Amino acid sequence: MAFERITINVGKMGGVPCIRGLRTPVAMVVDMVAAGMTPGEILADFPDLEREDIAEALRYATALRERQLP
């Protein structure tokens, strides 16, 4: 599965997966959703993000989890 909105650059944020080359880690977006924030709240707090960024961050986290489970 390809993730067009997820970037990994060792020279930015230490290689942590981020959204579209921004300094917004995927894990932070996933944590905000897990904490109960709505997409609207996340977008209000992080105006550089787009609704599809949130959806792709969740798909990316799911794909990683599925690879780690037996």
N, C-alpha and C. Protein backbone atom coordinates (compact mmCIF):
# COMPACT_ATOMS: atom_id res chain seq x y z
N MET A 1 0.85 -1.18 0.00
CA MET A 1 0.00 0.00 0.00
C MET A 1 0.89 1.24 0.00
N ALA A 2 0.61 2.15 -0.89
CA ALA A 2 1.39 3.39 -0.98
C ALA A 2 0.72 4.48 -0.17
N PHE A 3 1.53 5.27 0.47
CA PHE A 3 1.05 6.39 1.26
C PHE A 3 1.65 7.66 0.70
N GLU A 4 0.89 8.37 -0.10
CA GLU A 4 1.38 9.55 -0.79
C GLU A 4 1.57 10.75 0.14
N ARG A 5 0.85 10.79 1.23
CA ARG A 5 0.90 11.93 2.14
C ARG A 5 1.84 11.72 3.32
N ILE A 6 2.42 10.55 3.43
CA ILE A 6 3.34 10.24 4.52
C ILE A 6 4.77 10.30 3.98
N THR A 7 5.60 11.09 4.63
CA THR A 7 6.99 11.22 4.21
C THR A 7 7.92 10.84 5.36
N ILE A 8 9.03 10.25 4.99
CA ILE A 8 10.07 9.91 5.95
C ILE A 8 11.37 10.46 5.40
N ASN A 9 11.94 11.40 6.14
CA ASN A 9 13.17 12.06 5.73
C ASN A 9 14.10 12.09 6.94
N VAL A 10 15.20 11.36 6.85
CA VAL A 10 16.11 11.25 7.98
C VAL A 10 16.65 12.62 8.41
N GLY A 11 16.65 13.59 7.50
CA GLY A 11 17.13 14.93 7.82
C GLY A 11 16.08 15.83 8.44
N LYS A 12 14.86 15.33 8.57
CA LYS A 12 13.76 16.12 9.13
C LYS A 12 13.06 15.30 10.20
N MET A 13 13.02 15.82 11.39
CA MET A 13 12.36 15.15 12.52
C MET A 13 12.97 13.77 12.80
N GLY A 14 14.24 13.61 12.48
CA GLY A 14 14.94 12.36 12.77
C GLY A 14 14.41 11.14 12.05
N GLY A 15 13.74 11.35 10.93
CA GLY A 15 13.23 10.22 10.16
C GLY A 15 11.88 9.72 10.63
N VAL A 16 11.24 10.43 11.54
CA VAL A 16 9.91 10.06 12.01
C VAL A 16 8.92 10.27 10.87
N PRO A 17 8.00 9.34 10.63
CA PRO A 17 6.99 9.54 9.59
C PRO A 17 6.17 10.80 9.86
N CYS A 18 6.09 11.67 8.86
CA CYS A 18 5.39 12.95 8.99
C CYS A 18 4.37 13.10 7.86
N ILE A 19 3.54 14.11 8.01
CA ILE A 19 2.54 14.42 7.01
C ILE A 19 3.13 15.35 5.95
N ARG A 20 3.16 14.92 4.70
CA ARG A 20 3.54 15.72 3.53
C ARG A 20 4.79 16.56 3.72
N GLY A 21 5.79 16.05 4.39
CA GLY A 21 7.03 16.80 4.55
C GLY A 21 6.96 17.89 5.59
N LEU A 22 5.80 18.06 6.20
CA LEU A 22 5.66 19.02 7.28
C LEU A 22 6.31 18.45 8.54
N ARG A 23 6.49 19.25 9.51
CA ARG A 23 7.02 18.77 10.79
C ARG A 23 5.87 18.35 11.71
N THR A 24 4.96 17.61 11.13
CA THR A 24 3.80 17.11 11.86
C THR A 24 3.85 15.59 11.83
N PRO A 25 4.31 14.96 12.93
CA PRO A 25 4.42 13.51 12.94
C PRO A 25 3.07 12.80 12.83
N VAL A 26 3.08 11.71 12.10
CA VAL A 26 1.89 10.87 11.98
C VAL A 26 1.39 10.46 13.36
N ALA A 27 2.31 10.07 14.24
CA ALA A 27 1.92 9.61 15.57
C ALA A 27 1.17 10.69 16.35
N MET A 28 1.55 11.95 16.16
CA MET A 28 0.86 13.03 16.86
C MET A 28 -0.59 13.15 16.38
N VAL A 29 -0.79 13.02 15.07
CA VAL A 29 -2.14 13.09 14.51
C VAL A 29 -2.98 11.91 15.03
N VAL A 30 -2.40 10.73 15.03
CA VAL A 30 -3.11 9.54 15.52
C VAL A 30 -3.44 9.71 17.00
N ASP A 31 -2.50 10.23 17.78
CA ASP A 31 -2.75 10.46 19.21
C ASP A 31 -3.88 11.45 19.43
N MET A 32 -3.96 12.48 18.62
CA MET A 32 -5.05 13.46 18.76
C MET A 32 -6.40 12.81 18.49
N VAL A 33 -6.47 11.97 17.47
CA VAL A 33 -7.71 11.25 17.18
C VAL A 33 -8.05 10.32 18.34
N ALA A 34 -7.05 9.61 18.84
CA ALA A 34 -7.28 8.68 19.96
C ALA A 34 -7.74 9.42 21.21
N ALA A 35 -7.31 10.66 21.37
CA ALA A 35 -7.71 11.46 22.53
C ALA A 35 -9.12 12.03 22.38
N GLY A 36 -9.73 11.79 21.22
CA GLY A 36 -11.11 12.21 21.02
C GLY A 36 -11.29 13.50 20.24
N MET A 37 -10.19 14.06 19.71
CA MET A 37 -10.34 15.27 18.91
C MET A 37 -11.01 14.94 17.58
N THR A 38 -11.87 15.80 17.14
CA THR A 38 -12.52 15.62 15.84
C THR A 38 -11.58 16.13 14.74
N PRO A 39 -11.80 15.69 13.51
CA PRO A 39 -11.00 16.24 12.42
C PRO A 39 -11.07 17.77 12.36
N GLY A 40 -12.24 18.32 12.61
CA GLY A 40 -12.39 19.78 12.60
C GLY A 40 -11.52 20.45 13.65
N GLU A 41 -11.45 19.87 14.84
CA GLU A 41 -10.61 20.42 15.90
C GLU A 41 -9.13 20.33 15.53
N ILE A 42 -8.74 19.20 14.95
CA ILE A 42 -7.34 19.02 14.55
C ILE A 42 -6.97 20.03 13.48
N LEU A 43 -7.85 20.20 12.49
CA LEU A 43 -7.58 21.14 11.40
C LEU A 43 -7.55 22.58 11.90
N ALA A 44 -8.34 22.89 12.89
CA ALA A 44 -8.32 24.24 13.46
C ALA A 44 -7.00 24.50 14.19
N ASP A 45 -6.48 23.48 14.87
CA ASP A 45 -5.22 23.62 15.60
C ASP A 45 -4.01 23.57 14.68
N PHE A 46 -4.13 22.87 13.56
CA PHE A 46 -3.02 22.69 12.62
C PHE A 46 -3.52 23.03 11.21
N PRO A 47 -3.57 24.32 10.88
CA PRO A 47 -4.16 24.74 9.60
C PRO A 47 -3.41 24.26 8.36
N ASP A 48 -2.17 23.81 8.51
CA ASP A 48 -1.45 23.27 7.35
C ASP A 48 -1.92 21.87 6.98
N LEU A 49 -2.63 21.21 7.88
CA LEU A 49 -3.12 19.87 7.59
C LEU A 49 -4.40 19.95 6.77
N GLU A 50 -4.68 18.85 6.09
CA GLU A 50 -5.91 18.69 5.32
C GLU A 50 -6.63 17.46 5.84
N ARG A 51 -7.92 17.42 5.63
CA ARG A 51 -8.73 16.30 6.13
C ARG A 51 -8.17 14.95 5.67
N GLU A 52 -7.71 14.86 4.43
CA GLU A 52 -7.16 13.61 3.91
C GLU A 52 -5.87 13.22 4.62
N ASP A 53 -5.12 14.20 5.15
CA ASP A 53 -3.91 13.90 5.93
C ASP A 53 -4.26 13.07 7.16
N ILE A 54 -5.35 13.44 7.81
CA ILE A 54 -5.79 12.72 9.01
C ILE A 54 -6.18 11.30 8.65
N ALA A 55 -6.96 11.15 7.60
CA ALA A 55 -7.39 9.82 7.17
C ALA A 55 -6.19 8.95 6.80
N GLU A 56 -5.22 9.52 6.09
CA GLU A 56 -4.06 8.73 5.69
C GLU A 56 -3.18 8.37 6.89
N ALA A 57 -3.08 9.27 7.86
CA ALA A 57 -2.32 8.97 9.07
C ALA A 57 -2.92 7.76 9.78
N LEU A 58 -4.23 7.70 9.83
CA LEU A 58 -4.89 6.55 10.47
C LEU A 58 -4.69 5.27 9.66
N ARG A 59 -4.76 5.36 8.35
CA ARG A 59 -4.51 4.18 7.50
C ARG A 59 -3.07 3.71 7.66
N TYR A 60 -2.13 4.64 7.74
CA TYR A 60 -0.72 4.30 7.91
C TYR A 60 -0.50 3.58 9.25
N ALA A 61 -1.08 4.12 10.31
CA ALA A 61 -0.95 3.50 11.63
C ALA A 61 -1.55 2.10 11.64
N THR A 62 -2.67 1.93 10.97
CA THR A 62 -3.31 0.61 10.88
C THR A 62 -2.43 -0.37 10.12
N ALA A 63 -1.84 0.09 9.04
CA ALA A 63 -0.96 -0.78 8.24
C ALA A 63 0.25 -1.21 9.05
N LEU A 64 0.83 -0.30 9.83
CA LEU A 64 1.98 -0.66 10.67
C LEU A 64 1.58 -1.67 11.73
N ARG A 65 0.44 -1.44 12.33
CA ARG A 65 -0.05 -2.35 13.38
C ARG A 65 -0.28 -3.75 12.81
N GLU A 66 -0.87 -3.84 11.63
CA GLU A 66 -1.15 -5.14 11.03
C GLU A 66 0.13 -5.90 10.71
N ARG A 67 1.20 -5.19 10.36
CA ARG A 67 2.48 -5.84 10.08
C ARG A 67 3.12 -6.40 11.35
N GLN A 68 2.81 -5.80 12.49
CA GLN A 68 3.45 -6.20 13.74
C GLN A 68 2.71 -7.30 14.47
N LEU A 69 1.43 -7.48 14.14
CA LEU A 69 0.65 -8.52 14.82
C LEU A 69 0.92 -9.88 14.16
N PRO A 70 0.94 -10.93 14.97
CA PRO A 70 1.16 -12.28 14.40
C PRO A 70 -0.02 -12.74 13.57
